[in-house]
C-alpha atoms as a PDB file:
ATOM      1  CA  MET A   1      32.434 -16.963 -50.847  1.00  0.00           C
ATOM      2  CA  THR A   2      32.339 -20.611 -51.936  1.00  0.00           C
ATOM      3  CA  SER A   3      30.330 -22.523 -54.520  1.00  0.00           C
ATOM      4  CA  THR A   4      29.915 -19.503 -56.768  1.00  0.00           C
ATOM      5  CA  LEU A   5      29.663 -19.179 -60.535  1.00  0.00           C
ATOM      6  CA  TYR A   6      30.630 -15.703 -61.718  1.00  0.00           C
ATOM      7  CA  VAL A   7      29.418 -14.662 -65.174  1.00  0.00           C
ATOM      8  CA  VAL A   8      32.055 -12.130 -66.198  1.00  0.00           C
ATOM      9  CA  ALA A   9      31.803  -9.703 -69.124  1.00  0.00           C
ATOM     10  CA  THR A  10      35.073  -9.086 -70.961  1.00  0.00           C
ATOM     11  CA  PRO A  11      36.098  -6.557 -73.651  1.00  0.00           C
ATOM     12  CA  ILE A  12      34.630  -6.837 -77.150  1.00  0.00           C
ATOM     13  CA  GLY A  13      37.771  -5.354 -78.640  1.00  0.00           C
ATOM     14  CA  ASN A  14      39.755  -2.794 -76.648  1.00  0.00           C
ATOM     15  CA  LEU A  15      41.347  -4.690 -73.755  1.00  0.00           C
ATOM     16  CA  ASP A  16      41.120  -1.647 -71.493  1.00  0.00           C
ATOM     17  CA  ASP A  17      37.310  -1.937 -71.482  1.00  0.00           C
ATOM     18  CA  ILE A  18      37.225  -4.245 -68.474  1.00  0.00           C
ATOM     19  CA  SER A  19      36.142  -3.403 -64.957  1.00  0.00           C
ATOM     20  CA  THR A  20      38.355  -3.483 -61.878  1.00  0.00           C
ATOM     21  CA  ARG A  21      35.873  -5.888 -60.327  1.00  0.00           C
ATOM     22  CA  ALA A  22      36.107  -8.269 -63.292  1.00  0.00           C
ATOM     23  CA  ILE A  23      39.915  -8.354 -63.028  1.00  0.00           C
ATOM     24  CA  HIS A  24      39.676  -9.045 -59.293  1.00  0.00           C
ATOM     25  CA  ILE A  25      37.244 -11.920 -59.803  1.00  0.00           C
ATOM     26  CA  LEU A  26      39.355 -13.486 -62.543  1.00  0.00           C
ATOM     27  CA  LYS A  27      42.410 -13.326 -60.298  1.00  0.00           C
ATOM     28  CA  THR A  28      40.718 -14.898 -57.264  1.00  0.00           C
ATOM     29  CA  VAL A  29      38.511 -17.711 -58.609  1.00  0.00           C
ATOM     30  CA  ASP A  30      39.735 -21.307 -58.751  1.00  0.00           C
ATOM     31  CA  VAL A  31      39.061 -21.879 -62.446  1.00  0.00           C
ATOM     32  CA  ILE A  32      38.144 -19.772 -65.489  1.00  0.00           C
ATOM     33  CA  LEU A  33      35.743 -21.274 -68.038  1.00  0.00           C
ATOM     34  CA  VAL A  34      36.458 -20.044 -71.560  1.00  0.00           C
ATOM     35  CA  GLU A  35      35.119 -20.561 -75.102  1.00  0.00           C
ATOM     36  CA  ASP A  36      38.567 -20.837 -76.654  1.00  0.00           C
ATOM     37  CA  THR A  37      41.641 -21.160 -74.447  1.00  0.00           C
ATOM     38  CA  ARG A  38      43.943 -19.664 -77.091  1.00  0.00           C
ATOM     39  CA  HIS A  39      41.721 -16.631 -77.587  1.00  0.00           C
ATOM     40  CA  SER A  40      41.254 -15.899 -73.878  1.00  0.00           C
ATOM     41  CA  GLN A  41      44.954 -16.255 -73.072  1.00  0.00           C
ATOM     42  CA  HIS A  42      45.588 -12.935 -74.821  1.00  0.00           C
ATOM     43  CA  LEU A  43      43.323 -11.076 -72.369  1.00  0.00           C
ATOM     44  CA  LEU A  44      44.499 -13.020 -69.321  1.00  0.00           C
ATOM     45  CA  GLN A  45      48.175 -12.487 -70.103  1.00  0.00           C
ATOM     46  CA  TYR A  46      47.515  -8.768 -70.637  1.00  0.00           C
ATOM     47  CA  TYR A  47      46.296  -8.531 -67.035  1.00  0.00           C
ATOM     48  CA  HIS A  48      48.792 -11.071 -65.613  1.00  0.00           C
ATOM     49  CA  ILE A  49      46.058 -13.531 -64.668  1.00  0.00           C
ATOM     50  CA  LYS A  50      47.302 -17.079 -64.209  1.00  0.00           C
ATOM     51  CA  LYS A  51      44.494 -19.515 -63.470  1.00  0.00           C
ATOM     52  CA  PRO A  52      43.564 -22.993 -64.708  1.00  0.00           C
ATOM     53  CA  LEU A  53      41.359 -22.807 -67.804  1.00  0.00           C
ATOM     54  CA  ILE A  54      38.591 -25.167 -68.883  1.00  0.00           C
ATOM     55  CA  ALA A  55      37.090 -24.977 -72.361  1.00  0.00           C
ATOM     56  CA  LEU A  56      33.298 -24.608 -72.377  1.00  0.00           C
ATOM     57  CA  HIS A  57      31.820 -24.247 -75.839  1.00  0.00           C
ATOM     58  CA  SER A  58      28.745 -25.247 -77.818  1.00  0.00           C
ATOM     59  CA  HIS A  59      30.143 -28.704 -78.644  1.00  0.00           C
ATOM     60  CA  ASN A  60      30.913 -29.820 -75.094  1.00  0.00           C
ATOM     61  CA  GLU A  61      28.705 -27.684 -72.834  1.00  0.00           C
ATOM     62  CA  ALA A  62      26.038 -30.326 -72.151  1.00  0.00           C
ATOM     63  CA  LYS A  63      28.575 -32.954 -71.028  1.00  0.00           C
ATOM     64  CA  GLN A  64      31.009 -30.539 -69.401  1.00  0.00           C
ATOM     65  CA  SER A  65      28.324 -28.811 -67.313  1.00  0.00           C
ATOM     66  CA  ILE A  66      27.590 -31.999 -65.341  1.00  0.00           C
ATOM     67  CA  LYS A  67      31.208 -32.258 -64.192  1.00  0.00           C
ATOM     68  CA  LEU A  68      31.461 -28.542 -63.465  1.00  0.00           C
ATOM     69  CA  ILE A  69      28.331 -28.533 -61.292  1.00  0.00           C
ATOM     70  CA  GLN A  70      29.796 -31.386 -59.235  1.00  0.00           C
ATOM     71  CA  ARG A  71      32.962 -29.374 -58.661  1.00  0.00           C
ATOM     72  CA  LEU A  72      30.984 -26.272 -57.761  1.00  0.00           C
ATOM     73  CA  GLN A  73      29.002 -28.299 -55.240  1.00  0.00           C
ATOM     74  CA  ARG A  74      32.300 -29.237 -53.598  1.00  0.00           C
ATOM     75  CA  GLY A  75      32.969 -25.568 -52.937  1.00  0.00           C
ATOM     76  CA  GLU A  76      34.985 -24.354 -55.924  1.00  0.00           C
ATOM     77  CA  ARG A  77      34.542 -20.905 -57.446  1.00  0.00           C
ATOM     78  CA  PHE A  78      34.387 -20.518 -61.235  1.00  0.00           C
ATOM     79  CA  ALA A  79      34.386 -17.532 -63.567  1.00  0.00           C
ATOM     80  CA  LEU A  80      32.628 -17.926 -66.911  1.00  0.00           C
ATOM     81  CA  ILE A  81      33.830 -15.742 -69.782  1.00  0.00           C
ATOM     82  CA  SER A  82      33.196 -15.783 -73.529  1.00  0.00           C
ATOM     83  CA  ASP A  83      35.557 -14.864 -76.344  1.00  0.00           C
ATOM     84  CA  ALA A  84      34.231 -11.303 -76.129  1.00  0.00           C
ATOM     85  CA  GLY A  85      31.464  -9.418 -74.366  1.00  0.00           C
ATOM     86  CA  THR A  86      28.874 -10.782 -71.965  1.00  0.00           C
ATOM     87  CA  PRO A  87      28.563 -14.573 -71.687  1.00  0.00           C
ATOM     88  CA  CYS A  88      25.265 -16.255 -72.595  1.00  0.00           C
ATOM     89  CA  ILE A  89      24.283 -13.410 -74.965  1.00  0.00           C
ATOM     90  CA  HIS A  90      24.494 -15.556 -78.087  1.00  0.00           C
ATOM     91  CA  ASP A  91      27.471 -17.331 -76.521  1.00  0.00           C
ATOM     92  CA  PRO A  92      27.853 -20.631 -74.627  1.00  0.00           C
ATOM     93  CA  GLY A  93      27.114 -20.831 -70.914  1.00  0.00           C
ATOM     94  CA  CYS A  94      23.329 -20.825 -70.630  1.00  0.00           C
ATOM     95  CA  GLN A  95      23.116 -24.559 -69.889  1.00  0.00           C
ATOM     96  CA  LEU A  96      25.697 -24.268 -67.119  1.00  0.00           C
ATOM     97  CA  VAL A  97      23.991 -21.238 -65.567  1.00  0.00           C
ATOM     98  CA  SER A  98      20.620 -22.998 -65.688  1.00  0.00           C
ATOM     99  CA  GLN A  99      22.005 -26.115 -64.026  1.00  0.00           C
ATOM    100  CA  ALA A 100      23.720 -23.990 -61.382  1.00  0.00           C
ATOM    101  CA  HIS A 101      20.401 -22.400 -60.463  1.00  0.00           C
ATOM    102  CA  ARG A 102      18.743 -25.812 -60.213  1.00  0.00           C
ATOM    103  CA  ALA A 103      21.576 -27.002 -57.975  1.00  0.00           C
ATOM    104  CA  ASN A 104      21.156 -23.934 -55.706  1.00  0.00           C
ATOM    105  CA  ILE A 105      24.633 -22.680 -56.574  1.00  0.00           C
ATOM    106  CA  LYS A 106      25.061 -18.943 -56.329  1.00  0.00           C
ATOM    107  CA  VAL A 107      25.356 -17.226 -59.721  1.00  0.00           C
ATOM    108  CA  VAL A 108      26.816 -13.704 -59.709  1.00  0.00           C
ATOM    109  CA  PRO A 109      26.871 -11.367 -62.743  1.00  0.00           C
ATOM    110  CA  ILE A 110      29.937  -9.179 -63.268  1.00  0.00           C
ATOM    111  CA  PRO A 111      28.595  -6.669 -65.828  1.00  0.00           C
ATOM    112  CA  GLY A 112      30.511  -5.038 -68.614  1.00  0.00           C
ATOM    113  CA  PRO A 113      30.764  -4.769 -72.403  1.00  0.00           C
ATOM    114  CA  SER A 114      28.217  -6.224 -74.816  1.00  0.00           C
ATOM    115  CA  ALA A 115      28.248  -5.691 -78.572  1.00  0.00           C
ATOM    116  CA  LEU A 116      24.446  -5.586 -78.515  1.00  0.00           C
ATOM    117  CA  THR A 117      24.035  -2.608 -76.181  1.00  0.00           C
ATOM    118  CA  THR A 118      27.202  -0.885 -77.401  1.00  0.00           C
ATOM    119  CA  ALA A 119      25.921  -0.856 -80.980  1.00  0.00           C
ATOM    120  CA  LEU A 120      22.426   0.281 -80.006  1.00  0.00           C
ATOM    121  CA  SER A 121      23.823   3.191 -78.000  1.00  0.00           C
ATOM    122  CA  VAL A 122      25.383   4.764 -81.112  1.00  0.00           C
ATOM    123  CA  ALA A 123      22.925   3.622 -83.791  1.00  0.00           C
ATOM    124  CA  GLY A 124      20.617   6.621 -83.597  1.00  0.00           C
ATOM    125  CA  LEU A 125      17.634   4.310 -84.140  1.00  0.00           C
ATOM    126  CA  PRO A 126      14.588   3.764 -81.913  1.00  0.00           C
ATOM    127  CA  TYR A 127      15.713   1.237 -79.320  1.00  0.00           C
ATOM    128  CA  LYS A 128      12.553   0.792 -77.280  1.00  0.00           C
ATOM    129  CA  PRO A 129      11.507  -1.856 -77.839  1.00  0.00           C
ATOM    130  CA  PHE A 130      14.034  -3.865 -79.829  1.00  0.00           C
ATOM    131  CA  LEU A 131      14.221  -7.507 -80.873  1.00  0.00           C
ATOM    132  CA  PHE A 132      17.583  -9.275 -80.741  1.00  0.00           C
ATOM    133  CA  GLU A 133      17.867 -12.083 -83.297  1.00  0.00           C
ATOM    134  CA  GLY A 134      21.604 -12.766 -83.126  1.00  0.00           C
ATOM    135  CA  PHE A 135      23.004 -14.599 -86.157  1.00  0.00           C
ATOM    136  CA  LEU A 136      20.620 -15.461 -88.962  1.00  0.00           C
ATOM    137  CA  SER A 137      20.892 -18.884 -90.584  1.00  0.00           C
ATOM    138  CA  PRO A 138      23.850 -19.346 -92.953  1.00  0.00           C
ATOM    139  CA  ARG A 139      21.463 -21.155 -95.318  1.00  0.00           C
ATOM    140  CA  ARG A 140      19.771 -18.709 -97.652  1.00  0.00           C
ATOM    141  CA  ALA A 141      16.369 -20.423 -97.743  1.00  0.00           C
ATOM    142  CA  MET A 142      16.158 -20.487 -93.950  1.00  0.00           C
ATOM    143  CA  ARG A 143      17.437 -16.901 -93.745  1.00  0.00           C
ATOM    144  CA  HIS A 144      14.656 -15.818 -96.113  1.00  0.00           C
ATOM    145  CA  LYS A 145      12.125 -17.566 -93.909  1.00  0.00           C
ATOM    146  CA  GLN A 146      13.474 -15.866 -90.766  1.00  0.00           C
ATOM    147  CA  LEU A 147      13.483 -12.405 -92.342  1.00  0.00           C
ATOM    148  CA  SER A 148       9.990 -12.882 -93.769  1.00  0.00           C
ATOM    149  CA  SER A 149       8.685 -13.672 -90.290  1.00  0.00           C
ATOM    150  CA  LEU A 150      10.244 -10.421 -89.025  1.00  0.00           C
ATOM    151  CA  ALA A 151       9.199  -8.164 -91.909  1.00  0.00           C
ATOM    152  CA  LYS A 152       6.074  -6.751 -90.215  1.00  0.00           C
ATOM    153  CA  GLN A 153       7.544  -6.479 -86.720  1.00  0.00           C
ATOM    154  CA  ALA A 154       7.400  -2.959 -85.290  1.00  0.00           C
ATOM    155  CA  TYR A 155      10.477  -3.493 -83.127  1.00  0.00           C
ATOM    156  CA  THR A 156      13.957  -2.345 -84.055  1.00  0.00           C
ATOM    157  CA  LEU A 157      15.684  -5.532 -85.212  1.00  0.00           C
ATOM    158  CA  VAL A 158      19.238  -6.338 -84.114  1.00  0.00           C
ATOM    159  CA  PHE A 159      21.429  -8.970 -85.785  1.00  0.00           C
ATOM    160  CA  TYR A 160      25.001 -10.199 -85.594  1.00  0.00           C
ATOM    161  CA  GLU A 161      26.725 -11.190 -88.835  1.00  0.00           C
ATOM    162  CA  ALA A 162      30.017 -12.649 -90.010  1.00  0.00           C
ATOM    163  CA  PRO A 163      32.188 -10.960 -92.661  1.00  0.00           C
ATOM    164  CA  HIS A 164      31.833 -13.710 -95.277  1.00  0.00           C
ATOM    165  CA  ARG A 165      28.014 -13.430 -95.154  1.00  0.00           C
ATOM    166  CA  ILE A 166      27.499  -9.700 -94.639  1.00  0.00           C
ATOM    167  CA  LEU A 167      26.764  -8.825 -98.293  1.00  0.00           C
ATOM    168  CA  ALA A 168      24.435 -11.788 -98.824  1.00  0.00           C
ATOM    169  CA  CYS A 169      22.645 -10.919 -95.596  1.00  0.00           C
ATOM    170  CA  LEU A 170      22.112  -7.263 -96.548  1.00  0.00           C
ATOM    171  CA  ASP A 171      21.016  -8.323-100.027  1.00  0.00           C
ATOM    172  CA  ASP A 172      18.314 -10.507 -98.485  1.00  0.00           C
ATOM    173  CA  MET A 173      17.361  -7.810 -95.989  1.00  0.00           C
ATOM    174  CA  TYR A 174      16.687  -5.071 -98.505  1.00  0.00           C
ATOM    175  CA  HIS A 175      14.728  -7.418-100.743  1.00  0.00           C
ATOM    176  CA  ILE A 176      12.578  -8.809 -97.923  1.00  0.00           C
ATOM    177  CA  LEU A 177      12.387  -5.974 -95.372  1.00  0.00           C
ATOM    178  CA  GLY A 178      12.369  -3.150 -97.923  1.00  0.00           C
ATOM    179  CA  GLU A 179      15.008  -1.096 -99.719  1.00  0.00           C
ATOM    180  CA  GLN A 180      14.271   2.127 -97.821  1.00  0.00           C
ATOM    181  CA  ARG A 181      14.108   0.610 -94.349  1.00  0.00           C
ATOM    182  CA  GLN A 182      16.515   2.687 -92.248  1.00  0.00           C
ATOM    183  CA  ALA A 183      19.394   0.800 -90.684  1.00  0.00           C
ATOM    184  CA  SER A 184      22.777   1.113 -89.026  1.00  0.00           C
ATOM    185  CA  ILE A 185      25.899  -1.029 -89.194  1.00  0.00           C
ATOM    186  CA  ALA A 186      28.454  -1.187 -86.402  1.00  0.00           C
ATOM    187  CA  ARG A 187      31.670  -2.906 -87.438  1.00  0.00           C
ATOM    188  CA  GLU A 188      34.631  -3.896 -85.260  1.00  0.00           C
ATOM    189  CA  LEU A 189      33.309  -2.037 -82.219  1.00  0.00           C
ATOM    190  CA  THR A 190      36.017  -0.596 -79.906  1.00  0.00           C
ATOM    191  CA  LYS A 191      38.758  -1.935 -82.201  1.00  0.00           C
ATOM    192  CA  GLN A 192      41.258  -0.100 -84.400  1.00  0.00           C
ATOM    193  CA  PHE A 193      39.036  -0.132 -87.496  1.00  0.00           C
ATOM    194  CA  GLU A 194      35.720   0.599 -85.786  1.00  0.00           C
ATOM    195  CA  THR A 195      33.171   1.823 -88.329  1.00  0.00           C
ATOM    196  CA  LEU A 196      29.613   3.113 -87.984  1.00  0.00           C
ATOM    197  CA  TYR A 197      27.466   3.621 -91.058  1.00  0.00           C
ATOM    198  CA  HIS A 198      23.837   4.713 -91.295  1.00  0.00           C
ATOM    199  CA  GLY A 199      21.350   4.777 -94.158  1.00  0.00           C
ATOM    200  CA  SER A 200      18.715   2.696 -95.894  1.00  0.00           C
ATOM    201  CA  LEU A 201      19.297  -1.030 -96.305  1.00  0.00           C
ATOM    202  CA  ILE A 202      20.010  -0.673-100.004  1.00  0.00           C
ATOM    203  CA  GLU A 203      22.460   2.171 -99.302  1.00  0.00           C
ATOM    204  CA  LEU A 204      24.293   0.007 -96.779  1.00  0.00           C
ATOM    205  CA  TYR A 205      24.469  -2.841 -99.266  1.00  0.00           C
ATOM    206  CA  HIS A 206      25.900  -0.699-102.061  1.00  0.00           C
ATOM    207  CA  TRP A 207      28.318   1.014 -99.670  1.00  0.00           C
ATOM    208  CA  LEU A 208      29.814  -2.331 -98.684  1.00  0.00           C
ATOM    209  CA  ARG A 209      29.910  -3.459-102.309  1.00  0.00           C
ATOM    210  CA  LYS A 210      31.834  -0.276-103.137  1.00  0.00           C
ATOM    211  CA  HIS A 211      34.202  -0.662-100.172  1.00  0.00           C
ATOM    212  CA  PRO A 212      35.147  -4.349 -99.900  1.00  0.00           C
ATOM    213  CA  GLU A 213      37.793  -3.506 -97.305  1.00  0.00           C
ATOM    214  CA  GLN A 214      34.881  -2.791 -94.954  1.00  0.00           C
ATOM    215  CA  CYS A 215      33.594  -6.371 -95.314  1.00  0.00           C
ATOM    216  CA  ARG A 216      35.923  -7.578 -92.579  1.00  0.00           C
ATOM    217  CA  GLY A 217      35.549  -8.152 -88.884  1.00  0.00           C
ATOM    218  CA  GLU A 218      32.450  -8.523 -86.752  1.00  0.00           C
ATOM    219  CA  PHE A 219      29.170  -6.787 -87.537  1.00  0.00           C
ATOM    220  CA  VAL A 220      26.071  -5.665 -85.681  1.00  0.00           C
ATOM    221  CA  ILE A 221      23.185  -4.751 -87.999  1.00  0.00           C
ATOM    222  CA  MET A 222      20.257  -2.719 -86.651  1.00  0.00           C
ATOM    223  CA  VAL A 223      17.104  -2.165 -88.695  1.00  0.00           C
ATOM    224  CA  THR A 224      14.102   0.009 -87.826  1.00  0.00           C
ATOM    225  CA  GLY A 225      10.764  -1.704 -87.352  1.00  0.00           C
ATOM    226  CA  TYR A 226       7.969  -1.980 -89.895  1.00  0.00           C
ATOM    227  CA  PRO A 227       7.006   1.674 -90.519  1.00  0.00           C
ATOM    228  CA  ASN A 228       3.245   1.215 -90.873  1.00  0.00           C
ATOM    229  CA  GLN A 229       2.809  -0.833 -87.730  1.00  0.00           C
ATOM    230  CA  LYS A 230       1.315   1.160 -84.867  1.00  0.00           C
ATOM    231  CA  MET A 231       2.760   0.297 -81.509  1.00  0.00           C
ATOM    232  CA  ASN A 232       0.579  -0.082 -78.427  1.00  0.00           C
ATOM    233  CA  GLU A 233      -2.504  -0.731 -80.564  1.00  0.00           C
ATOM    234  CA  LEU A 234      -5.087  -3.234 -79.365  1.00  0.00           C
ATOM    235  CA  THR A 235      -5.531  -5.161 -82.617  1.00  0.00           C
ATOM    236  CA  PRO A 236      -8.012  -8.010 -83.262  1.00  0.00           C
ATOM    237  CA  GLU A 237      -5.094 -10.442 -83.211  1.00  0.00           C
ATOM    238  CA  ILE A 238      -4.017  -9.264 -79.759  1.00  0.00           C
ATOM    239  CA  LEU A 239      -7.591  -9.430 -78.489  1.00  0.00           C
ATOM    240  CA  SER A 240      -7.810 -13.000 -79.725  1.00  0.00           C
ATOM    241  CA  VAL A 241      -4.668 -13.969 -77.814  1.00  0.00           C
ATOM    242  CA  LEU A 242      -5.937 -12.241 -74.682  1.00  0.00           C
ATOM    243  CA  THR A 243      -9.312 -13.985 -74.924  1.00  0.00           C
ATOM    244  CA  THR A 244      -7.632 -17.374 -75.256  1.00  0.00           C
ATOM    245  CA  LEU A 245      -5.334 -16.781 -72.274  1.00  0.00           C
ATOM    246  CA  LEU A 246      -8.270 -15.663 -70.100  1.00  0.00           C
ATOM    247  CA  GLU A 247      -9.797 -19.110 -70.513  1.00  0.00           C
ATOM    248  CA  TYR A 248      -6.823 -20.727 -68.807  1.00  0.00           C
ATOM    249  CA  MET A 249      -5.451 -18.264 -66.262  1.00  0.00           C
ATOM    250  CA  PRO A 250      -6.321 -15.312 -63.991  1.00  0.00           C
ATOM    251  CA  THR A 251      -6.840 -11.900 -65.581  1.00  0.00           C
ATOM    252  CA  ARG A 252      -3.747 -10.413 -63.947  1.00  0.00           C
ATOM    253  CA  LEU A 253      -1.459 -13.085 -65.388  1.00  0.00           C
ATOM    254  CA  ALA A 254      -3.062 -12.965 -68.854  1.00  0.00           C
ATOM    255  CA  VAL A 255      -2.707  -9.179 -68.972  1.00  0.00           C
ATOM    256  CA  GLN A 256       0.926  -9.368 -67.842  1.00  0.00           C
ATOM    257  CA  ILE A 257       1.840 -11.888 -70.570  1.00  0.00           C
ATOM    258  CA  VAL A 258       0.128  -9.947 -73.376  1.00  0.00           C
ATOM    259  CA  HIS A 259       1.659  -6.672 -72.157  1.00  0.00           C
ATOM    260  CA  GLN A 260       5.167  -8.170 -72.252  1.00  0.00           C
ATOM    261  CA  LEU A 261       4.618  -9.563 -75.746  1.00  0.00           C
ATOM    262  CA  THR A 262       2.972  -6.511 -77.324  1.00  0.00           C
ATOM    263  CA  GLN A 263       3.697  -3.462 -75.127  1.00  0.00           C
ATOM    264  CA  VAL A 264      -0.026  -2.615 -75.166  1.00  0.00           C
ATOM    265  CA  PRO A 265      -0.678  -0.646 -71.928  1.00  0.00           C
ATOM    266  CA  LYS A 266      -2.033  -2.759 -69.098  1.00  0.00           C
ATOM    267  CA  ASN A 267      -5.018  -0.459 -68.512  1.00  0.00           C
ATOM    268  CA  LYS A 268      -6.179  -1.095 -72.095  1.00  0.00           C
ATOM    269  CA  LEU A 269      -5.803  -4.817 -71.588  1.00  0.00           C
ATOM    270  CA  TYR A 270      -7.697  -4.779 -68.293  1.00  0.00           C
ATOM    271  CA  GLN A 271     -10.541  -2.827 -69.926  1.00  0.00           C
ATOM    272  CA  ALA A 272     -10.671  -5.328 -72.760  1.00  0.00           C
ATOM    273  CA  SER A 273     -10.615  -8.217 -70.277  1.00  0.00           C
ATOM    274  CA  HIS A 274     -13.628  -6.851 -68.383  1.00  0.00           C
ATOM    275  CA  ARG A 275     -15.512  -6.389 -71.656  1.00  0.00           C
END
């Protein structure tokens, strides 16, 4: 195949967690697009992959994507990888993928590891539905604002966090979301010092305070949704949104949008629409 952009998932820690198909693609494309050339060389050398590398990160993606699309249009085949996990899931690459679609260039996913789904699979928390927030703001005032907006959400909340902010983040979480809100921490997934810890937010905070050696590496924090919020309930607020949408679009489309946003069953929404 020509003119193809492959979006390739790579290991989040253990280098053996890569698919045979991903290795084959990385060995046969013309160029590999990476976040950090030094970081990705470790994986590529491990699998004896020798291909030209081009750095594609948050600081150069907008400018770099224009040149890359031109090369793809000339028939080249690229593989996009991130430092770890699945590209475009809180990693660079979305602008390039979007431009590739607009240029009618074939985009092919090569699935594999993701810290998000890996952590959820072992959290023991309700995962349907969940809300992925990624990294909260490093600024405390903005972080407070973000958490306050999420405090009454019924979804399981999923965050990424860096080691130097993990205690401050959990401190804010238990004060804003509630001390007894159940949560789970996944640290250094698939790596030598992988750690899973479950408990209330305040328990997690004090556990990390007591064990500073655990405040290292990469974290996924998962928090249960607001306990008093009833899912699938047709509230006055939801009815108001539905009523507004019905003024501007067909019933079917309005119902579909509200269903995706709230998980209220479509039959309830259709009944309300007819009323």
